[in-house]
Amino acid sequence: MLKTATFVGYADDANYYVNGDATGYDYYNTPDNKQGDMDMANADLVVELMKLKYGKDAYLVTCEEETWFGTPDYGCKLKGDVCNYIIHY
């Protein structure tokens, strides 16, 4: 039986979480082009923690359209534009 859960995460990570598209992490205007690598590493950590909690077959299916300024549940704890992500497991 398919179960559903949610967590709060950065809205900017939606394309990576749901589609596996990392093009949004290419930052050419930062020193040494490291910011994109750090953002993707944080997003990978969030997915890893989600799979530890809900099982290795868990996956993110969507980000709800409503966003707000807040703190994500996992990963980096800086405030930013966040939304509810839906997990199937």
N, C-alpha and C. Protein backbone atom coordinates (compact mmCIF):
# COMPACT_ATOMS: atom_id res chain seq x y z
N MET A 1 0.84 -1.18 0.00
CA MET A 1 0.00 0.00 0.00
C MET A 1 0.88 1.25 0.00
N LEU A 2 0.59 2.18 -0.88
CA LEU A 2 1.35 3.42 -1.00
C LEU A 2 0.97 4.36 0.13
N LYS A 3 1.98 4.87 0.82
CA LYS A 3 1.77 5.84 1.89
C LYS A 3 2.29 7.19 1.44
N THR A 4 1.78 8.25 2.08
CA THR A 4 2.17 9.61 1.74
C THR A 4 2.61 10.35 3.00
N ALA A 5 3.62 11.17 2.84
CA ALA A 5 4.09 12.03 3.93
C ALA A 5 4.50 13.36 3.30
N THR A 6 4.75 14.36 4.14
CA THR A 6 5.22 15.66 3.64
C THR A 6 6.39 16.14 4.48
N PHE A 7 7.16 17.04 3.90
CA PHE A 7 8.18 17.76 4.65
C PHE A 7 8.36 19.13 4.01
N VAL A 8 8.89 20.07 4.77
CA VAL A 8 9.13 21.42 4.28
C VAL A 8 10.55 21.49 3.75
N GLY A 9 10.70 21.98 2.53
CA GLY A 9 12.02 22.11 1.92
C GLY A 9 12.08 23.35 1.05
N TYR A 10 13.29 23.71 0.64
CA TYR A 10 13.45 24.88 -0.22
C TYR A 10 12.71 24.69 -1.54
N ALA A 11 11.94 25.69 -1.93
CA ALA A 11 11.18 25.63 -3.17
C ALA A 11 12.10 25.55 -4.39
N ASP A 12 13.26 26.17 -4.32
CA ASP A 12 14.20 26.16 -5.46
C ASP A 12 14.74 24.77 -5.77
N ASP A 13 14.63 23.84 -4.85
CA ASP A 13 15.15 22.48 -5.07
C ASP A 13 14.14 21.56 -5.75
N ALA A 14 12.94 22.05 -6.03
CA ALA A 14 11.87 21.19 -6.56
C ALA A 14 12.26 20.46 -7.83
N ASN A 15 12.87 21.14 -8.78
CA ASN A 15 13.22 20.49 -10.05
C ASN A 15 14.21 19.35 -9.83
N TYR A 16 15.12 19.52 -8.90
CA TYR A 16 16.10 18.47 -8.61
C TYR A 16 15.44 17.31 -7.86
N TYR A 17 14.66 17.62 -6.83
CA TYR A 17 14.01 16.57 -6.05
C TYR A 17 13.05 15.72 -6.88
N VAL A 18 12.22 16.37 -7.66
CA VAL A 18 11.14 15.67 -8.37
C VAL A 18 11.60 15.10 -9.70
N ASN A 19 12.41 15.85 -10.45
CA ASN A 19 12.79 15.44 -11.81
C ASN A 19 14.24 14.99 -11.94
N GLY A 20 15.05 15.18 -10.90
CA GLY A 20 16.47 14.83 -10.99
C GLY A 20 17.25 15.78 -11.87
N ASP A 21 16.72 16.98 -12.11
CA ASP A 21 17.34 17.97 -12.99
C ASP A 21 18.22 18.91 -12.16
N ALA A 22 19.53 18.81 -12.31
CA ALA A 22 20.47 19.60 -11.52
C ALA A 22 20.91 20.88 -12.21
N THR A 23 20.32 21.25 -13.34
CA THR A 23 20.77 22.44 -14.05
C THR A 23 20.59 23.71 -13.24
N GLY A 24 19.66 23.75 -12.32
CA GLY A 24 19.44 24.92 -11.49
C GLY A 24 20.57 25.18 -10.50
N TYR A 25 21.49 24.25 -10.36
CA TYR A 25 22.61 24.40 -9.44
C TYR A 25 23.87 24.91 -10.11
N ASP A 26 23.77 25.33 -11.34
CA ASP A 26 24.92 25.91 -12.05
C ASP A 26 24.95 27.41 -11.80
N TYR A 27 25.89 27.83 -10.97
CA TYR A 27 26.03 29.25 -10.66
C TYR A 27 27.38 29.72 -11.20
N TYR A 28 27.32 30.52 -12.24
CA TYR A 28 28.56 30.99 -12.85
C TYR A 28 29.00 32.34 -12.29
N ASN A 29 28.17 32.94 -11.45
CA ASN A 29 28.50 34.27 -10.92
C ASN A 29 29.06 34.21 -9.50
N THR A 30 29.44 33.05 -9.02
CA THR A 30 30.00 32.93 -7.68
C THR A 30 31.49 32.61 -7.78
N PRO A 31 32.27 33.02 -6.79
CA PRO A 31 33.70 32.72 -6.83
C PRO A 31 33.95 31.22 -6.92
N ASP A 32 34.78 30.81 -7.82
CA ASP A 32 35.17 29.41 -8.01
C ASP A 32 34.00 28.49 -8.37
N ASN A 33 32.85 29.03 -8.71
CA ASN A 33 31.68 28.24 -9.12
C ASN A 33 31.36 27.13 -8.12
N LYS A 34 31.50 27.38 -6.82
CA LYS A 34 31.28 26.37 -5.78
C LYS A 34 29.86 26.36 -5.24
N GLN A 35 29.12 27.45 -5.37
CA GLN A 35 27.79 27.53 -4.75
C GLN A 35 26.86 26.44 -5.27
N GLY A 36 26.86 26.19 -6.56
CA GLY A 36 26.01 25.14 -7.12
C GLY A 36 26.34 23.79 -6.54
N ASP A 37 27.64 23.49 -6.36
CA ASP A 37 28.04 22.21 -5.76
C ASP A 37 27.53 22.08 -4.33
N MET A 38 27.61 23.17 -3.55
CA MET A 38 27.15 23.13 -2.15
C MET A 38 25.64 22.95 -2.09
N ASP A 39 24.89 23.64 -2.96
CA ASP A 39 23.44 23.51 -2.96
C ASP A 39 23.02 22.10 -3.33
N MET A 40 23.69 21.48 -4.32
CA MET A 40 23.35 20.13 -4.72
C MET A 40 23.71 19.14 -3.61
N ALA A 41 24.84 19.36 -2.93
CA ALA A 41 25.22 18.48 -1.82
C ALA A 41 24.18 18.56 -0.71
N ASN A 42 23.66 19.76 -0.42
CA ASN A 42 22.62 19.90 0.59
C ASN A 42 21.35 19.17 0.15
N ALA A 43 20.97 19.31 -1.12
CA ALA A 43 19.78 18.63 -1.63
C ALA A 43 19.96 17.11 -1.57
N ASP A 44 21.15 16.62 -1.89
CA ASP A 44 21.42 15.18 -1.80
C ASP A 44 21.30 14.69 -0.37
N LEU A 45 21.75 15.49 0.59
CA LEU A 45 21.63 15.14 2.01
C LEU A 45 20.16 15.04 2.41
N VAL A 46 19.34 15.96 1.94
CA VAL A 46 17.91 15.93 2.25
C VAL A 46 17.29 14.64 1.73
N VAL A 47 17.60 14.26 0.49
CA VAL A 47 17.05 13.03 -0.09
C VAL A 47 17.54 11.82 0.69
N GLU A 48 18.80 11.82 1.09
CA GLU A 48 19.36 10.70 1.86
C GLU A 48 18.65 10.56 3.21
N LEU A 49 18.42 11.68 3.89
CA LEU A 49 17.72 11.65 5.18
C LEU A 49 16.27 11.19 5.01
N MET A 50 15.63 11.63 3.93
CA MET A 50 14.25 11.22 3.65
C MET A 50 14.19 9.71 3.44
N LYS A 51 15.14 9.15 2.69
CA LYS A 51 15.16 7.71 2.43
C LYS A 51 15.48 6.92 3.71
N LEU A 52 16.29 7.48 4.59
CA LEU A 52 16.55 6.81 5.88
C LEU A 52 15.27 6.74 6.72
N LYS A 53 14.49 7.80 6.67
CA LYS A 53 13.27 7.85 7.48
C LYS A 53 12.13 7.02 6.87
N TYR A 54 11.96 7.06 5.54
CA TYR A 54 10.80 6.44 4.90
C TYR A 54 11.12 5.20 4.09
N GLY A 55 12.40 4.84 3.98
CA GLY A 55 12.78 3.64 3.24
C GLY A 55 13.45 3.97 1.92
N LYS A 56 14.26 3.03 1.45
CA LYS A 56 15.08 3.29 0.25
C LYS A 56 14.26 3.48 -1.02
N ASP A 57 12.99 3.04 -1.03
CA ASP A 57 12.14 3.21 -2.20
C ASP A 57 11.31 4.49 -2.16
N ALA A 58 11.46 5.29 -1.12
CA ALA A 58 10.71 6.54 -1.02
C ALA A 58 11.18 7.51 -2.11
N TYR A 59 10.26 8.32 -2.59
CA TYR A 59 10.61 9.31 -3.60
C TYR A 59 9.69 10.52 -3.47
N LEU A 60 10.19 11.66 -3.92
CA LEU A 60 9.44 12.91 -3.88
C LEU A 60 8.63 13.03 -5.16
N VAL A 61 7.35 13.34 -5.03
CA VAL A 61 6.51 13.40 -6.22
C VAL A 61 6.15 14.81 -6.65
N THR A 62 6.09 15.74 -5.72
CA THR A 62 5.73 17.11 -6.09
C THR A 62 6.02 18.08 -4.96
N CYS A 63 5.99 19.34 -5.31
CA CYS A 63 6.08 20.44 -4.34
C CYS A 63 4.77 21.21 -4.46
N GLU A 64 4.09 21.42 -3.35
CA GLU A 64 2.84 22.19 -3.40
C GLU A 64 3.13 23.61 -3.88
N GLU A 65 2.18 24.20 -4.58
CA GLU A 65 2.40 25.50 -5.20
C GLU A 65 2.57 26.63 -4.20
N GLU A 66 1.93 26.54 -3.05
CA GLU A 66 2.03 27.61 -2.05
C GLU A 66 3.42 27.61 -1.43
N THR A 67 4.08 28.76 -1.43
CA THR A 67 5.39 28.90 -0.80
C THR A 67 5.31 30.00 0.27
N TRP A 68 6.27 29.98 1.18
CA TRP A 68 6.35 30.99 2.21
C TRP A 68 7.81 31.10 2.64
N PHE A 69 8.12 32.17 3.38
CA PHE A 69 9.47 32.39 3.88
C PHE A 69 9.60 31.64 5.20
N GLY A 70 10.47 30.63 5.23
CA GLY A 70 10.60 29.83 6.44
C GLY A 70 11.85 28.99 6.43
N THR A 71 11.92 28.06 7.36
CA THR A 71 13.07 27.19 7.55
C THR A 71 12.71 25.76 7.11
N PRO A 72 13.57 25.11 6.32
CA PRO A 72 13.29 23.73 5.90
C PRO A 72 13.43 22.75 7.06
N ASP A 73 12.79 21.58 6.92
CA ASP A 73 12.86 20.55 7.95
C ASP A 73 14.22 19.86 8.00
N TYR A 74 14.87 19.71 6.84
CA TYR A 74 16.14 18.98 6.74
C TYR A 74 17.20 19.84 6.08
N GLY A 75 18.44 19.44 6.24
CA GLY A 75 19.53 20.11 5.53
C GLY A 75 19.83 21.47 6.11
N CYS A 76 20.18 22.39 5.25
CA CYS A 76 20.57 23.75 5.63
C CYS A 76 19.43 24.41 6.41
N LYS A 77 19.75 25.10 7.46
CA LYS A 77 18.72 25.69 8.31
C LYS A 77 18.59 27.21 8.13
N LEU A 78 19.02 27.73 7.00
CA LEU A 78 18.82 29.15 6.72
C LEU A 78 17.41 29.36 6.20
N LYS A 79 16.80 30.46 6.57
CA LYS A 79 15.46 30.75 6.08
C LYS A 79 15.50 31.08 4.60
N GLY A 80 14.41 30.74 3.92
CA GLY A 80 14.29 31.03 2.50
C GLY A 80 12.89 30.69 2.02
N ASP A 81 12.68 30.72 0.72
CA ASP A 81 11.40 30.39 0.12
C ASP A 81 11.22 28.88 0.19
N VAL A 82 10.23 28.40 0.96
CA VAL A 82 10.02 26.97 1.18
C VAL A 82 8.60 26.56 0.77
N CYS A 83 8.40 25.26 0.62
CA CYS A 83 7.10 24.71 0.29
C CYS A 83 7.00 23.31 0.90
N ASN A 84 5.80 22.74 0.89
CA ASN A 84 5.59 21.36 1.33
C ASN A 84 5.87 20.41 0.17
N TYR A 85 6.74 19.46 0.40
CA TYR A 85 7.02 18.41 -0.57
C TYR A 85 6.22 17.17 -0.18
N ILE A 86 5.72 16.45 -1.17
CA ILE A 86 4.97 15.24 -0.93
C ILE A 86 5.84 14.03 -1.26
N ILE A 87 5.89 13.09 -0.31
CA ILE A 87 6.72 11.87 -0.43
C ILE A 87 5.78 10.68 -0.59
N HIS A 88 6.13 9.80 -1.48
CA HIS A 88 5.45 8.48 -1.56
C HIS A 88 6.45 7.43 -1.09
N TYR A 89 5.97 6.51 -0.28
CA TYR A 89 6.84 5.43 0.22
C TYR A 89 6.04 4.18 0.46
